[in-house]
């Protein structure tokens, strides 16, 4: 993805996608995470929305770690 393009996908859509990130395949999940990172790096998006996206992304990443890291894995 070459930078966040607000005309392609809205920050609200990114937030909505993060709400259902645990219901999609790994490739789609990775795309949603990448889109979220782009939103977080876009200063023209309100801080309130970027904070909500950051919080949701953090929860999704923690959940991913809990479900994919085994007892013998280091993370």
N, C-alpha and C. Protein backbone atom coordinates (compact mmCIF):
# COMPACT_ATOMS: atom_id res chain seq x y z
N UNK A 1 0.84 -1.16 0.00
CA UNK A 1 0.00 0.00 0.00
C UNK A 1 0.89 1.24 0.00
N UNK A 2 0.65 2.16 -0.90
CA UNK A 2 1.51 3.32 -1.03
C UNK A 2 0.88 4.54 -0.38
N UNK A 3 0.82 4.56 0.93
CA UNK A 3 0.26 5.70 1.63
C UNK A 3 -1.26 5.62 1.72
N UNK A 4 -1.78 6.21 2.75
CA UNK A 4 -3.22 6.19 2.97
C UNK A 4 -3.87 7.21 2.06
N UNK A 5 -4.84 6.77 1.31
CA UNK A 5 -5.57 7.65 0.42
C UNK A 5 -7.00 7.75 0.94
N UNK A 6 -7.36 8.87 1.56
CA UNK A 6 -8.70 9.01 2.12
C UNK A 6 -9.81 8.84 1.08
N UNK A 7 -9.49 9.03 -0.19
CA UNK A 7 -10.50 8.86 -1.22
C UNK A 7 -10.77 7.37 -1.48
N UNK A 8 -9.84 6.51 -1.16
CA UNK A 8 -9.99 5.08 -1.39
C UNK A 8 -10.76 4.42 -0.25
N UNK A 9 -10.40 4.74 0.97
CA UNK A 9 -11.03 4.14 2.14
C UNK A 9 -11.03 5.18 3.26
N UNK A 10 -12.12 5.27 3.96
CA UNK A 10 -12.21 6.27 5.03
C UNK A 10 -11.64 5.70 6.33
N UNK A 11 -11.26 6.60 7.21
CA UNK A 11 -10.78 6.18 8.52
C UNK A 11 -11.88 5.47 9.29
N UNK A 12 -13.12 5.88 9.08
CA UNK A 12 -14.25 5.20 9.74
C UNK A 12 -14.36 3.75 9.25
N UNK A 13 -14.12 3.53 7.97
CA UNK A 13 -14.15 2.18 7.43
C UNK A 13 -13.02 1.35 8.01
N UNK A 14 -11.84 1.95 8.15
CA UNK A 14 -10.71 1.25 8.76
C UNK A 14 -11.07 0.82 10.18
N UNK A 15 -11.67 1.73 10.94
CA UNK A 15 -12.09 1.39 12.30
C UNK A 15 -13.11 0.25 12.29
N UNK A 16 -14.06 0.33 11.39
CA UNK A 16 -15.08 -0.72 11.26
C UNK A 16 -14.44 -2.06 10.91
N UNK A 17 -13.48 -2.03 10.00
CA UNK A 17 -12.77 -3.26 9.62
C UNK A 17 -12.05 -3.87 10.82
N UNK A 18 -11.46 -3.02 11.65
CA UNK A 18 -10.76 -3.53 12.83
C UNK A 18 -11.72 -4.19 13.81
N UNK A 19 -12.98 -3.74 13.81
CA UNK A 19 -13.97 -4.34 14.71
C UNK A 19 -14.24 -5.80 14.34
N UNK A 20 -14.05 -6.14 13.08
CA UNK A 20 -14.33 -7.52 12.63
C UNK A 20 -13.06 -8.25 12.20
N UNK A 21 -11.91 -7.78 12.64
CA UNK A 21 -10.64 -8.34 12.19
C UNK A 21 -10.48 -9.81 12.57
N UNK A 22 -11.11 -10.22 13.65
CA UNK A 22 -10.98 -11.62 14.08
C UNK A 22 -11.90 -12.56 13.29
N UNK A 23 -12.66 -12.02 12.35
CA UNK A 23 -13.59 -12.83 11.57
C UNK A 23 -13.14 -13.00 10.12
N UNK A 24 -11.95 -12.53 9.80
CA UNK A 24 -11.48 -12.59 8.41
C UNK A 24 -10.24 -13.46 8.31
N UNK A 25 -9.87 -13.79 7.08
CA UNK A 25 -8.69 -14.63 6.85
C UNK A 25 -7.41 -13.83 7.15
N UNK A 26 -6.28 -14.51 7.31
CA UNK A 26 -5.03 -13.83 7.68
C UNK A 26 -4.58 -12.75 6.70
N UNK A 27 -4.81 -12.94 5.41
CA UNK A 27 -4.39 -11.93 4.43
C UNK A 27 -5.22 -10.67 4.59
N UNK A 28 -6.52 -10.82 4.72
CA UNK A 28 -7.39 -9.66 4.92
C UNK A 28 -7.06 -8.97 6.24
N UNK A 29 -6.78 -9.76 7.27
CA UNK A 29 -6.38 -9.20 8.55
C UNK A 29 -5.12 -8.35 8.42
N UNK A 30 -4.16 -8.83 7.66
CA UNK A 30 -2.92 -8.08 7.44
C UNK A 30 -3.20 -6.77 6.69
N UNK A 31 -4.10 -6.82 5.73
CA UNK A 31 -4.47 -5.61 4.98
C UNK A 31 -5.13 -4.61 5.92
N UNK A 32 -6.03 -5.08 6.78
CA UNK A 32 -6.69 -4.19 7.74
C UNK A 32 -5.67 -3.54 8.67
N UNK A 33 -4.69 -4.32 9.11
CA UNK A 33 -3.66 -3.78 10.00
C UNK A 33 -2.82 -2.72 9.29
N UNK A 34 -2.49 -2.99 8.04
CA UNK A 34 -1.71 -2.03 7.27
C UNK A 34 -2.50 -0.74 7.05
N UNK A 35 -3.76 -0.86 6.75
CA UNK A 35 -4.60 0.33 6.58
C UNK A 35 -4.66 1.13 7.88
N UNK A 36 -4.77 0.43 8.99
CA UNK A 36 -4.82 1.11 10.28
C UNK A 36 -3.52 1.87 10.54
N UNK A 37 -2.40 1.27 10.21
CA UNK A 37 -1.11 1.94 10.39
C UNK A 37 -1.03 3.22 9.54
N UNK A 38 -1.57 3.15 8.36
CA UNK A 38 -1.58 4.32 7.48
C UNK A 38 -2.44 5.44 8.07
N UNK A 39 -3.59 5.08 8.64
CA UNK A 39 -4.45 6.08 9.28
C UNK A 39 -3.71 6.72 10.44
N UNK A 40 -3.03 5.91 11.23
CA UNK A 40 -2.32 6.42 12.39
C UNK A 40 -1.21 7.41 11.99
N UNK A 41 -0.70 7.26 10.80
CA UNK A 41 0.37 8.14 10.31
C UNK A 41 -0.16 9.35 9.53
N UNK A 42 -1.47 9.52 9.51
CA UNK A 42 -2.08 10.61 8.75
C UNK A 42 -2.56 11.69 9.71
N UNK A 43 -1.79 12.78 9.83
CA UNK A 43 -2.13 13.82 10.81
C UNK A 43 -3.44 14.56 10.52
N UNK A 44 -3.93 14.51 9.30
CA UNK A 44 -5.18 15.22 8.98
C UNK A 44 -6.41 14.51 9.55
N UNK A 45 -6.26 13.29 9.99
CA UNK A 45 -7.35 12.55 10.63
C UNK A 45 -7.37 12.93 12.10
N UNK A 46 -8.54 13.14 12.63
CA UNK A 46 -8.65 13.64 14.00
C UNK A 46 -7.94 12.73 15.00
N UNK A 47 -7.41 13.36 16.01
CA UNK A 47 -6.70 12.62 17.05
C UNK A 47 -7.64 11.62 17.73
N UNK A 48 -8.90 12.03 17.94
CA UNK A 48 -9.86 11.14 18.59
C UNK A 48 -10.04 9.84 17.78
N UNK A 49 -10.19 9.97 16.47
CA UNK A 49 -10.37 8.79 15.63
C UNK A 49 -9.08 7.97 15.56
N UNK A 50 -7.94 8.65 15.43
CA UNK A 50 -6.67 7.91 15.40
C UNK A 50 -6.45 7.18 16.72
N UNK A 51 -6.83 7.78 17.84
CA UNK A 51 -6.69 7.11 19.14
C UNK A 51 -7.58 5.88 19.24
N UNK A 52 -8.80 6.01 18.74
CA UNK A 52 -9.73 4.86 18.76
C UNK A 52 -9.18 3.73 17.89
N UNK A 53 -8.64 4.08 16.74
CA UNK A 53 -8.06 3.06 15.85
C UNK A 53 -6.83 2.43 16.50
N UNK A 54 -6.00 3.25 17.13
CA UNK A 54 -4.81 2.71 17.80
C UNK A 54 -5.20 1.75 18.91
N UNK A 55 -6.20 2.10 19.69
CA UNK A 55 -6.65 1.22 20.77
C UNK A 55 -7.18 -0.10 20.22
N UNK A 56 -7.98 -0.01 19.18
CA UNK A 56 -8.55 -1.24 18.59
C UNK A 56 -7.47 -2.10 17.95
N UNK A 57 -6.53 -1.45 17.27
CA UNK A 57 -5.42 -2.18 16.66
C UNK A 57 -4.58 -2.87 17.73
N UNK A 58 -4.33 -2.18 18.81
CA UNK A 58 -3.56 -2.77 19.91
C UNK A 58 -4.26 -4.00 20.47
N UNK A 59 -5.58 -3.90 20.67
CA UNK A 59 -6.33 -5.07 21.17
C UNK A 59 -6.29 -6.22 20.18
N UNK A 60 -6.41 -5.90 18.89
CA UNK A 60 -6.37 -6.95 17.86
C UNK A 60 -4.99 -7.60 17.82
N UNK A 61 -3.95 -6.81 17.95
CA UNK A 61 -2.59 -7.36 17.94
C UNK A 61 -2.34 -8.24 19.17
N UNK A 62 -2.82 -7.81 20.33
CA UNK A 62 -2.69 -8.63 21.54
C UNK A 62 -3.44 -9.94 21.39
N UNK A 63 -4.64 -9.88 20.84
CA UNK A 63 -5.43 -11.09 20.62
C UNK A 63 -4.71 -12.02 19.65
N UNK A 64 -4.15 -11.46 18.60
CA UNK A 64 -3.40 -12.27 17.62
C UNK A 64 -2.23 -12.97 18.31
N UNK A 65 -1.52 -12.26 19.15
CA UNK A 65 -0.37 -12.84 19.85
C UNK A 65 -0.82 -13.98 20.77
N UNK A 66 -1.93 -13.80 21.43
CA UNK A 66 -2.42 -14.84 22.34
C UNK A 66 -2.83 -16.11 21.60
N UNK A 67 -3.31 -15.94 20.38
CA UNK A 67 -3.80 -17.10 19.63
C UNK A 67 -2.77 -17.74 18.72
N UNK A 68 -1.66 -17.06 18.47
CA UNK A 68 -0.69 -17.62 17.52
C UNK A 68 0.64 -17.99 18.14
N UNK A 69 0.93 -17.49 19.32
CA UNK A 69 2.21 -17.80 19.95
C UNK A 69 2.03 -19.00 20.87
N UNK A 70 2.80 -20.03 20.61
CA UNK A 70 2.73 -21.23 21.43
C UNK A 70 3.65 -21.14 22.63
N UNK A 71 3.60 -22.15 23.47
CA UNK A 71 4.39 -22.14 24.70
C UNK A 71 5.89 -22.19 24.42
N UNK A 72 6.29 -22.73 23.28
CA UNK A 72 7.71 -22.82 22.96
C UNK A 72 8.20 -21.62 22.17
N UNK A 73 7.28 -20.77 21.74
CA UNK A 73 7.64 -19.60 20.92
C UNK A 73 8.04 -18.44 21.80
N UNK A 74 8.93 -17.62 21.28
CA UNK A 74 9.23 -16.37 21.96
C UNK A 74 8.54 -15.27 21.18
N UNK A 75 8.10 -14.26 21.88
CA UNK A 75 7.38 -13.19 21.22
C UNK A 75 7.85 -11.87 21.73
